[in-house]
Every structure is written in C-alpha cells, then in structure tokens.
Amino acid sequence: MNPFHFCTGTHLSRRTMLRGLGVALALPLLDAMRPAFAKEPAGAVAPKRFVAICTTLGVHRPFLEPATAGRGYVPTPYLLQMKDHLDKLTVLSGVCHPDQNGGNGHSTENTWLTSARHPGLVGFKNTISLDQVMAAHLGPTTRVPYLALSTGSSSLSWTSGGVQIPGDGSPSKVFSRLFLQGTPAEIVTQKRSLERGRSVLDTVNGQAKKLHQSLGARDQDKLDQYLTSVRELETDLTESTAWLDRPKPKVDATAPKDIPNRDDIAGRIRLMSQVMALALQTDSTRVITFRVEGGGNVPVVDGVTQGWHELSHHGKNEEKIAELKLIEEAQFAAFGEFIGQLRSVQENGVPLIDRTAVMIGSNLGNASSHEWKNLPLVVAGAGFKHGQHLAFDQKNNLPFCNLFVQMLHHMGIEADKFGSSTGTSVPGLA
C-alpha cells in the first residue's frame, strides 16, 4: 500500500493516519477529509507550494535532454527513471543565468536560486534567493515558513542580506521539528529560549546602530547586511513563539532514522523526499529547497567504483561516463518517486503535484568543464502544460529567472521581475 495515497474518492475520517517512515501521523483537517468530491467553499484559495532541488555536481545532459523538441520525444535514460510521470513534467534546455563566470564553475552553487552575477570573484555579494521571497510573502501562514534542506550542511537559500542559510541534512530532526509535540515543560523551555534570543538580539541591534555612525562606507555596508539578518531573525523568533501554542499533528511512533552512510546518496534523497512530501501535504510549510551535494567519495551504487567528483569531471572518458550514469539514474529514480508521492496525495480531488511547482536541475551545464550555460532542468507540477521538451537557443540562452517570475506568480505573488529576468514566463510552459 502506498503510504502517501490517502484519498480514493471516498470521504476520509478526521482520524485518518499517514503511515510511512515507521510512523503513524494524524493529519490536520484537509480538503480530502470533506465529503468526497465536494466543492471547495466559495472564495477559498487552495494553497500553492514550491520545491527546488539542485544537484551541485551537475547532470550529464545527453542522458536527460531528448534529442527532439516538443511533444512525442523519445525518453532519455534519466527520463525513463520518471516514466510514470512524464505527463506531469517538462524538460527545459537552453536556459541559464547570465554572467556566472567567477572563481570557478562550482561557485554557481551559490547563485542557482539568486542569479547574482560573477559569483566567486572578489567583492561578490549574493542576493536574496527565490524561496526566501516566497517565504517572506507567506509569512507565518504555516508552522515553518520554509525548509532549507541538504544532504550536507549548506543550502540553496540566501537572505536579503546575501547571507547563506544553513542547510538541514537530518530527516529525523526535520520530522521532529514538524510533527513531534513537546511536553508542556519542554514548550515552556523553548519559549524562554526564544525570549532570551530576542533579548540578545535587541541588545546587539542597539549596539550595532551606535557603532554604525563611526564606521566607513564599506564597513557600514557590511554592518547593514548584518542588521538585516538580525531583523529577519527577530521576525522568525516572534513567529516561532506564536506557533508553540498551536498543537502539531499527533505522532504515535518514533521519528525516521537518518542514514548514517553519507555515500548512500540515493537513499538519503529518498528519505528526505518522504519527509518533504509529508511537510507539504500537512501544510506544515509551502516552500522547500533541497541541495544534493556530491564529493570525492564513491557513492553506494552498484557498479560504481570511482569518486563522484572525479566521475563528474569525466573528460569524455566513456568508462567514467558509464559510472556517472549509474549515479545519476539512481538520483532521478528518487526524484521520480518524490513526484509520485505528490501525485498520489489528493486535495479535494486534485493531485497535490498539480498545486506544487517542482524544479529539479543543476547549477552546472557541463560539470566536466565547469560550464554554467545550458543548465539541465526539469519542471514538474503546478498545472503547467507538461509532457514536452522546451528547447531554447543553446548559444543565446533564455534567462533562467524568467521561470522564477512565473514561479512567483504560481505562489500568488505579483512580480514583473526577479534577478536577471527579461520576461515573466517561459514560452510554452503556461
């Protein structure tokens, strides 16, 4: 039984449980718990969600992008890993952020969701990431405004001051944060901790404002970035305190166990993806980023004998490309399972995937040469026109941020520009 499919056209009891990850989770009131096929109340707006997944060691594009544009393409090896959901996804090619030449190609990890120019160069300052714009717009609508997740410790998310938000790499801790209710004493302790945090920030903020007057222009700019981060943290603390008094979905089991082997990349993607799906379907958050990091170790994939980073720099060596294919096929199989989880969940007769925009791709168009143009990209869900390959100019790429503006619109945010965008949508997607 698929633990993520809990509506089959019949009315669900308010006591309906989700079973998966070794837990039984009582859900809050969902549209699917109303009488089967009932209409949404007049004026009700179904919540929209957004997920961005970036694999930072690239994707071998010939195994992802179809040879022909449009519909009726022959699925590539990576698309075959998601073959049950091709009608819910679109492959984009010929897109990039402009002016990403910097220290080296890997520095574009920092700008995949921001589009800030020339990452890695001296004096570079990042800008706010797409997910943080969404989170700021949504505010305290959900228990957690956003999740910045990772298979390591870094994330794709950046504050308005250009500060990277740490990535959470523990599915068990994320699960605990979202679903495990603390005891009354623990909640009191959490409130006191938050109050202490606000008190410290008040003091630091006051001191920093006095210091600001005595600094030079460059130091004032750095301090302004810091103060912006402080203000954002103060807001987060206030919203966190309010949510402490609201009950979490009840859990009648232990949290999932993290995978201790960091080289089991596919297993770690699957486990985190399951928690991501739970977070979205319980409306615990509506904005998620997930950074899939690779390193020099040998991934736990049958047939792979060399380090992932070395394989990504294959230099067109066929043996290395063959092993790289095994790793990336395992990744795309896990991504396909995530899309399937969102597809199996129904909100008043509508699959959750149709209300969730999912971007899956990489900051590198060719990892072997550190190329930042022609990024590999799959867009799923959100009710877009799917089942196609939208191919744009390989030499004069479509700005990636045009899609970002379209994603803001999906989330109900009025915007006519983001970062390096030159338009408000991707032609053929809507």
Protein backbone atom coordinates (compact mmCIF):
# COMPACT_ATOMS: atom_id res chain seq x y z
CA MET A 1 0.00 0.00 0.00
CA ASN A 2 1.29 3.44 -0.92
CA PRO A 3 1.50 5.32 2.42
CA PHE A 4 1.15 8.65 0.67
CA HIS A 5 -2.15 7.92 -1.10
CA PHE A 6 -4.94 8.66 1.31
CA CYS A 7 -7.89 9.69 -0.86
CA THR A 8 -9.56 7.42 -3.38
CA GLY A 9 -12.73 9.36 -3.98
CA THR A 10 -14.36 8.43 -0.68
CA HIS A 11 -14.78 10.56 2.41
CA LEU A 12 -11.85 10.39 4.79
CA SER A 13 -12.27 10.26 8.52
CA ARG A 14 -10.79 13.12 10.54
CA ARG A 15 -8.84 10.32 12.27
CA THR A 16 -7.11 9.28 9.03
CA MET A 17 -3.47 8.39 9.62
CA LEU A 18 -0.46 8.59 7.35
CA ARG A 19 1.72 5.54 7.65
CA GLY A 20 5.28 5.68 6.43
CA LEU A 21 8.83 6.15 7.64
CA GLY A 22 7.88 3.88 10.56
CA VAL A 23 5.38 6.40 11.91
CA ALA A 24 1.64 6.89 12.14
CA LEU A 25 0.77 10.54 11.68
CA ALA A 26 -2.65 12.04 12.43
CA LEU A 27 -3.30 14.78 9.89
CA PRO A 28 -4.89 18.18 10.44
CA LEU A 29 -8.13 18.94 8.61
CA LEU A 30 -7.56 18.61 4.86
CA ASP A 31 -9.85 19.18 1.90
CA ALA A 32 -9.68 15.42 1.28
CA MET A 33 -11.40 14.90 4.66
CA ARG A 34 -14.50 16.72 3.49
CA PRO A 35 -17.25 14.72 1.75
CA ALA A 36 -15.83 13.03 -1.33
CA PHE A 37 -15.77 15.24 -4.42
CA ALA A 38 -17.29 18.15 -2.51
CA LYS A 39 -16.64 21.56 -3.96
CA GLU A 40 -14.31 23.97 -2.25
CA PRO A 41 -16.05 26.77 -0.35
CA ALA A 42 -16.80 29.84 -2.44
CA GLY A 43 -13.82 32.16 -2.44
CA ALA A 44 -11.46 29.55 -0.98
CA VAL A 45 -7.96 29.62 -2.41
CA ALA A 46 -6.14 26.29 -2.48
CA PRO A 47 -2.61 26.65 -1.12
CA LYS A 48 0.20 26.52 -3.66
CA ARG A 49 3.62 25.04 -2.96
CA PHE A 50 7.14 25.31 -4.34
CA VAL A 51 10.09 22.91 -4.26
CA ALA A 52 13.57 23.48 -5.73
CA ILE A 53 16.09 20.63 -5.95
CA CYS A 54 19.64 21.22 -7.18
CA THR A 55 22.31 18.56 -7.59
CA THR A 56 25.54 20.53 -7.39
CA LEU A 57 27.83 18.13 -9.28
CA GLY A 58 25.88 18.58 -12.47
CA VAL A 59 23.78 16.30 -14.67
CA HIS A 60 25.07 14.65 -17.85
CA ARG A 61 22.69 16.39 -20.23
CA PRO A 62 22.76 13.87 -23.13
CA PHE A 63 21.13 11.36 -20.76
CA LEU A 64 18.45 13.88 -19.72
CA GLU A 65 17.52 16.10 -22.65
CA PRO A 66 15.57 14.49 -25.51
CA ALA A 67 17.04 14.68 -28.99
CA THR A 68 13.93 16.45 -30.31
CA ALA A 69 11.92 19.40 -29.04
CA GLY A 70 8.19 19.47 -28.42
CA ARG A 71 5.96 16.52 -27.66
CA GLY A 72 6.33 12.92 -28.75
CA TYR A 73 10.02 12.79 -27.90
CA VAL A 74 11.87 9.54 -27.19
CA PRO A 75 12.52 9.41 -23.42
CA THR A 76 16.16 9.56 -22.41
CA PRO A 77 17.74 7.25 -19.80
CA TYR A 78 17.11 9.71 -16.95
CA LEU A 79 13.55 10.46 -18.04
CA LEU A 80 12.88 6.71 -18.12
CA GLN A 81 13.52 6.75 -14.38
CA MET A 82 10.46 9.02 -14.13
CA LYS A 83 8.48 7.41 -16.95
CA ASP A 84 5.23 7.16 -14.97
CA HIS A 85 5.12 10.94 -14.57
CA LEU A 86 6.21 12.34 -17.93
CA ASP A 87 2.75 13.83 -18.33
CA LYS A 88 3.40 15.91 -15.20
CA LEU A 89 6.82 17.26 -16.18
CA THR A 90 8.61 19.29 -18.82
CA VAL A 91 12.28 19.27 -19.79
CA LEU A 92 13.81 22.69 -20.41
CA SER A 93 17.08 23.20 -22.28
CA GLY A 94 18.90 26.32 -23.39
CA VAL A 95 18.43 28.25 -20.13
CA CYS A 96 20.96 29.84 -17.77
CA HIS A 97 21.71 32.79 -15.52
CA PRO A 98 23.86 35.35 -17.39
CA ASP A 99 27.33 36.40 -16.24
CA GLN A 100 28.03 33.46 -13.98
CA ASN A 101 31.76 33.42 -14.76
CA GLY A 102 33.54 33.77 -11.45
CA GLY A 103 36.10 31.97 -9.33
CA ASN A 104 35.20 28.58 -10.86
CA GLY A 105 32.11 26.77 -12.03
CA HIS A 106 31.33 25.37 -8.61
CA SER A 107 30.71 28.87 -7.23
CA THR A 108 27.44 28.89 -9.18
CA GLU A 109 26.06 26.64 -6.43
CA ASN A 110 25.55 29.88 -4.56
CA THR A 111 23.54 31.62 -7.27
CA TRP A 112 21.26 28.90 -8.64
CA LEU A 113 18.28 30.46 -6.85
CA THR A 114 19.52 34.07 -6.84
CA SER A 115 21.13 34.78 -10.27
CA ALA A 116 23.62 37.22 -8.70
CA ARG A 117 26.36 37.91 -11.22
CA HIS A 118 30.02 36.81 -11.12
CA PRO A 119 29.95 34.51 -8.08
CA GLY A 120 33.31 33.76 -6.53
CA LEU A 121 35.02 36.96 -7.59
CA VAL A 122 36.49 39.42 -5.10
CA GLY A 123 33.78 41.68 -3.74
CA PHE A 124 30.95 39.37 -4.78
CA LYS A 125 27.78 39.86 -2.76
CA ASN A 126 24.90 37.46 -3.17
CA THR A 127 21.25 38.47 -3.34
CA ILE A 128 18.06 37.01 -1.93
CA SER A 129 17.04 33.57 -3.20
CA LEU A 130 13.69 32.86 -4.82
CA ASP A 131 12.41 30.73 -1.95
CA GLN A 132 13.08 33.49 0.59
CA VAL A 133 10.99 35.96 -1.41
CA MET A 134 8.17 33.43 -1.29
CA ALA A 135 8.65 32.76 2.41
CA ALA A 136 8.61 36.47 3.23
CA HIS A 137 5.38 36.86 1.28
CA LEU A 138 3.68 33.94 3.01
CA GLY A 139 4.87 34.95 6.48
CA PRO A 140 3.51 32.89 9.39
CA THR A 141 0.83 31.19 7.26
CA THR A 142 2.37 27.80 8.08
CA ARG A 143 4.26 26.50 11.09
CA VAL A 144 7.53 26.72 9.16
CA PRO A 145 7.84 29.48 6.52
CA TYR A 146 10.38 27.43 4.57
CA LEU A 147 12.63 24.40 4.77
CA ALA A 148 16.23 24.73 3.60
CA LEU A 149 17.33 21.11 3.27
CA SER A 150 20.53 19.44 2.17
CA THR A 151 22.39 16.16 2.00
CA GLY A 152 25.25 18.10 3.62
CA SER A 153 25.28 21.31 5.64
CA SER A 154 24.90 24.08 3.04
CA SER A 155 21.66 25.15 1.40
CA LEU A 156 20.36 26.86 -1.73
CA SER A 157 18.76 29.62 0.34
CA TRP A 158 20.12 33.15 0.87
CA THR A 159 18.73 36.02 2.91
CA SER A 160 18.05 39.52 1.59
CA GLY A 161 21.43 40.49 3.03
CA GLY A 162 23.22 37.88 0.94
CA VAL A 163 23.85 35.51 3.85
CA GLN A 164 23.58 31.77 3.22
CA ILE A 165 21.06 29.94 5.39
CA PRO A 166 22.48 26.70 6.87
CA GLY A 167 21.09 23.52 5.35
CA ASP A 168 19.33 20.91 7.47
CA GLY A 169 20.62 17.47 6.49
CA SER A 170 18.81 15.34 9.07
CA PRO A 171 15.39 13.95 8.04
CA SER A 172 14.76 12.82 11.64
CA LYS A 173 15.34 16.33 13.01
CA VAL A 174 13.13 17.89 10.34
CA PHE A 175 10.43 15.36 11.14
CA SER A 176 10.74 16.08 14.86
CA ARG A 177 10.54 19.81 14.27
CA LEU A 178 7.36 19.49 12.23
CA PHE A 179 5.45 16.67 13.88
CA LEU A 180 6.65 15.74 17.35
CA GLN A 181 4.85 17.63 20.10
CA GLY A 182 6.98 18.61 23.08
CA THR A 183 5.83 18.22 26.66
CA PRO A 184 4.40 21.32 28.43
CA ALA A 185 7.70 21.73 30.26
CA GLU A 186 9.66 21.50 27.00
CA ILE A 187 7.41 24.10 25.38
CA VAL A 188 7.99 26.48 28.31
CA THR A 189 11.74 25.95 27.94
CA GLN A 190 11.51 26.64 24.19
CA LYS A 191 9.60 29.86 24.85
CA ARG A 192 12.20 31.02 27.36
CA SER A 193 14.95 30.23 24.88
CA LEU A 194 13.21 32.25 22.19
CA GLU A 195 12.68 35.15 24.60
CA ARG A 196 16.36 35.07 25.53
CA GLY A 197 17.22 35.08 21.86
CA ARG A 198 15.10 38.17 21.26
CA SER A 199 16.65 39.88 24.27
CA VAL A 200 20.16 39.25 22.97
CA LEU A 201 19.20 40.47 19.52
CA ASP A 202 17.68 43.65 20.98
CA THR A 203 20.94 44.38 22.78
CA VAL A 204 23.15 43.61 19.81
CA ASN A 205 20.91 45.59 17.50
CA GLY A 206 21.11 48.67 19.72
CA GLN A 207 24.88 48.47 20.00
CA ALA A 208 25.27 47.94 16.26
CA LYS A 209 23.25 51.05 15.44
CA LYS A 210 25.57 53.14 17.60
CA LEU A 211 28.63 51.56 16.00
CA HIS A 212 27.27 52.26 12.52
CA GLN A 213 27.82 56.01 12.89
CA SER A 214 31.55 55.62 13.45
CA LEU A 215 32.31 53.32 10.52
CA GLY A 216 33.47 53.94 6.98
CA ALA A 217 31.20 53.35 3.99
CA ARG A 218 32.42 49.81 3.25
CA ASP A 219 32.10 48.71 6.87
CA GLN A 220 28.69 50.36 7.11
CA ASP A 221 27.56 48.24 4.16
CA LYS A 222 28.77 45.06 5.86
CA LEU A 223 27.06 46.08 9.10
CA ASP A 224 23.83 46.83 7.23
CA GLN A 225 23.89 43.27 5.88
CA TYR A 226 24.31 42.01 9.42
CA LEU A 227 21.48 44.18 10.79
CA THR A 228 19.18 42.98 8.02
CA SER A 229 19.88 39.40 9.06
CA VAL A 230 19.20 40.32 12.69
CA ARG A 231 15.83 41.85 11.79
CA GLU A 232 14.88 38.77 9.80
CA LEU A 233 15.87 36.54 12.72
CA GLU A 234 13.81 38.67 15.12
CA THR A 235 10.77 38.13 12.89
CA ASP A 236 11.41 34.39 12.79
CA LEU A 237 11.64 34.24 16.59
CA THR A 238 8.35 36.09 17.02
CA GLU A 239 6.56 33.79 14.59
CA SER A 240 8.10 30.69 16.20
CA THR A 241 6.80 31.73 19.63
CA ALA A 242 3.25 32.07 18.29
CA TRP A 243 3.33 28.58 16.80
CA LEU A 244 4.49 26.95 20.04
CA ASP A 245 0.97 27.22 21.46
CA ARG A 246 -0.59 25.52 18.45
CA PRO A 247 -0.67 21.72 18.50
CA LYS A 248 1.35 19.83 15.91
CA PRO A 249 -0.08 16.83 14.08
CA LYS A 250 -0.03 13.98 16.59
CA VAL A 251 2.52 11.21 16.19
CA ASP A 252 2.12 7.73 17.60
CA ALA A 253 5.57 6.35 16.76
CA THR A 254 9.24 7.20 16.61
CA ALA A 255 10.76 9.52 14.04
CA PRO A 256 12.59 8.14 10.98
CA LYS A 257 16.21 7.16 11.43
CA ASP A 258 18.82 9.05 9.45
CA ILE A 259 21.00 7.09 7.05
CA PRO A 260 24.49 7.11 8.63
CA ASN A 261 26.35 6.39 5.40
CA ARG A 262 26.79 9.76 3.69
CA ASP A 263 27.72 7.99 0.46
CA ASP A 264 24.25 6.43 0.14
CA ILE A 265 23.12 9.46 -1.83
CA ALA A 266 20.02 7.88 -3.40
CA GLY A 267 18.84 6.57 -0.04
CA ARG A 268 19.36 9.97 1.58
CA ILE A 269 17.41 11.68 -1.23
CA ARG A 270 14.54 9.22 -0.80
CA LEU A 271 14.36 9.62 2.96
CA MET A 272 14.42 13.41 2.83
CA SER A 273 11.92 13.41 -0.03
CA GLN A 274 9.45 11.42 2.07
CA VAL A 275 9.69 14.00 4.86
CA MET A 276 9.31 16.77 2.26
CA ALA A 277 6.12 15.19 0.95
CA LEU A 278 4.72 14.91 4.49
CA ALA A 279 5.57 18.55 5.18
CA LEU A 280 3.74 19.71 2.06
CA GLN A 281 0.63 17.57 2.40
CA THR A 282 0.12 18.56 6.05
CA ASP A 283 0.62 22.22 5.04
CA SER A 284 3.40 22.49 7.60
CA THR A 285 5.31 24.52 5.00
CA ARG A 286 4.79 25.56 1.41
CA VAL A 287 8.35 26.38 0.38
CA ILE A 288 11.21 23.86 0.29
CA THR A 289 14.72 23.88 -1.16
CA PHE A 290 16.87 20.75 -1.27
CA ARG A 291 20.56 20.85 -2.11
CA VAL A 292 22.02 17.50 -3.20
CA GLU A 293 25.76 17.68 -2.61
CA GLY A 294 28.42 15.40 -4.04
CA GLY A 295 32.03 14.86 -3.08
CA GLY A 296 35.08 12.79 -3.77
CA ASN A 297 33.83 9.57 -2.13
CA VAL A 298 32.45 6.59 -4.03
CA PRO A 299 28.61 6.62 -3.90
CA VAL A 300 26.76 3.50 -2.77
CA VAL A 301 25.51 2.49 -6.23
CA ASP A 302 26.04 -0.93 -7.79
CA GLY A 303 28.73 -0.78 -10.46
CA VAL A 304 30.31 2.48 -9.28
CA THR A 305 33.98 2.23 -8.29
CA GLN A 306 35.24 5.82 -8.55
CA GLY A 307 34.57 9.04 -6.66
CA TRP A 308 31.58 11.09 -7.77
CA HIS A 309 33.52 14.31 -8.24
CA GLU A 310 36.13 12.55 -10.37
CA LEU A 311 33.40 10.99 -12.49
CA SER A 312 31.69 14.36 -12.99
CA HIS A 313 34.99 15.60 -14.48
CA HIS A 314 34.98 12.74 -16.94
CA GLY A 315 36.75 14.49 -19.84
CA LYS A 316 34.52 12.47 -22.21
CA ASN A 317 36.00 9.21 -20.94
CA GLU A 318 33.35 6.61 -21.78
CA GLU A 319 34.07 4.39 -18.77
CA LYS A 320 33.69 7.32 -16.38
CA ILE A 321 30.50 8.47 -18.11
CA ALA A 322 29.06 4.96 -17.76
CA GLU A 323 29.63 5.02 -13.99
CA LEU A 324 28.35 8.59 -13.72
CA LYS A 325 25.18 7.45 -15.48
CA LEU A 326 24.55 4.85 -12.77
CA ILE A 327 24.76 7.52 -10.06
CA GLU A 328 22.51 9.98 -11.85
CA GLU A 329 19.97 7.32 -12.81
CA ALA A 330 19.67 6.49 -9.10
CA GLN A 331 19.10 10.17 -8.35
CA PHE A 332 16.40 10.58 -10.98
CA ALA A 333 14.68 7.42 -9.83
CA ALA A 334 14.48 9.00 -6.35
CA PHE A 335 13.22 12.29 -7.82
CA GLY A 336 10.58 10.34 -9.73
CA GLU A 337 9.41 8.71 -6.51
CA PHE A 338 9.03 12.15 -4.93
CA ILE A 339 6.85 13.33 -7.82
CA GLY A 340 4.86 10.11 -7.45
CA GLN A 341 4.31 10.80 -3.75
CA LEU A 342 2.93 14.24 -4.51
CA ARG A 343 0.80 12.80 -7.29
CA SER A 344 -0.77 10.18 -5.04
CA VAL A 345 -1.98 12.74 -2.48
CA GLN A 346 -5.37 14.29 -3.23
CA GLU A 347 -6.66 17.68 -2.13
CA ASN A 348 -10.39 17.71 -2.81
CA GLY A 349 -9.90 15.52 -5.85
CA VAL A 350 -6.86 17.41 -7.16
CA PRO A 351 -3.40 15.77 -7.00
CA LEU A 352 -1.01 17.67 -4.77
CA ILE A 353 1.51 17.75 -7.62
CA ASP A 354 -0.89 19.98 -9.58
CA ARG A 355 -0.64 22.59 -6.81
CA THR A 356 3.10 22.18 -6.30
CA ALA A 357 5.76 23.63 -8.61
CA VAL A 358 8.89 21.48 -8.60
CA MET A 359 12.22 22.48 -10.18
CA ILE A 360 14.90 19.80 -10.48
CA GLY A 361 18.24 20.68 -12.02
CA SER A 362 21.83 21.76 -11.54
CA ASN A 363 23.95 24.88 -11.47
CA LEU A 364 26.34 23.29 -13.99
CA GLY A 365 25.52 22.73 -17.65
CA ASN A 366 28.66 20.67 -18.12
CA ALA A 367 30.37 19.69 -14.88
CA SER A 368 33.39 18.29 -16.69
CA SER A 369 34.32 21.76 -17.99
CA HIS A 370 32.66 23.81 -15.21
CA GLU A 371 30.30 25.23 -17.84
CA TRP A 372 27.49 27.37 -16.38
CA LYS A 373 25.41 27.76 -19.56
CA ASN A 374 22.71 25.39 -20.88
CA LEU A 375 21.61 24.21 -17.45
CA PRO A 376 19.84 20.85 -17.12
CA LEU A 377 16.32 21.44 -15.85
CA VAL A 378 13.06 19.59 -15.26
CA VAL A 379 9.90 21.41 -14.17
CA ALA A 380 7.04 19.38 -12.74
CA GLY A 381 3.56 20.07 -11.42
CA ALA A 382 1.77 23.38 -10.82
CA GLY A 383 -0.75 22.66 -13.58
CA PHE A 384 1.68 23.73 -16.30
CA LYS A 385 1.50 22.34 -19.85
CA HIS A 386 3.62 19.24 -19.48
CA GLY A 387 4.72 16.21 -21.48
CA GLN A 388 7.11 18.21 -23.64
CA HIS A 389 10.69 19.34 -24.19
CA LEU A 390 11.01 23.13 -24.44
CA ALA A 391 14.31 23.72 -26.23
CA PHE A 392 15.72 27.25 -26.40
CA ASP A 393 18.78 28.70 -28.10
CA GLN A 394 21.93 26.85 -27.00
CA LYS A 395 24.10 29.89 -27.74
CA ASN A 396 21.78 32.66 -26.57
CA ASN A 397 20.12 31.07 -23.57
CA LEU A 398 16.75 32.04 -22.17
CA PRO A 399 17.23 33.70 -18.75
CA PHE A 400 16.53 31.12 -16.04
CA CYS A 401 14.94 33.90 -13.97
CA ASN A 402 12.06 34.21 -16.42
CA LEU A 403 10.92 30.92 -14.90
CA PHE A 404 11.46 32.39 -11.42
CA VAL A 405 8.92 35.15 -12.11
CA GLN A 406 6.50 32.51 -13.33
CA MET A 407 7.04 30.58 -10.09
CA LEU A 408 6.28 33.72 -8.07
CA HIS A 409 3.01 34.07 -9.97
CA HIS A 410 2.22 30.44 -9.19
CA MET A 411 2.61 31.27 -5.50
CA GLY A 412 0.25 34.23 -5.82
CA ILE A 413 2.98 36.88 -5.68
CA GLU A 414 2.67 39.83 -8.04
CA ALA A 415 6.01 40.42 -9.74
CA ASP A 416 7.26 41.50 -13.12
CA LYS A 417 10.95 40.88 -12.48
CA PHE A 418 13.37 38.76 -10.48
CA GLY A 419 17.13 38.96 -10.72
CA SER A 420 18.29 38.81 -14.34
CA SER A 421 14.86 38.10 -15.84
CA THR A 422 13.87 39.65 -19.17
CA GLY A 423 10.32 38.32 -19.17
CA THR A 424 7.64 36.97 -16.87
CA SER A 425 7.32 33.39 -18.10
CA VAL A 426 8.81 30.58 -20.13
CA PRO A 427 7.19 30.43 -23.58
CA GLY A 428 5.11 27.30 -23.99
CA LEU A 429 5.02 26.30 -20.32
CA ALA A 430 1.82 28.02 -19.19
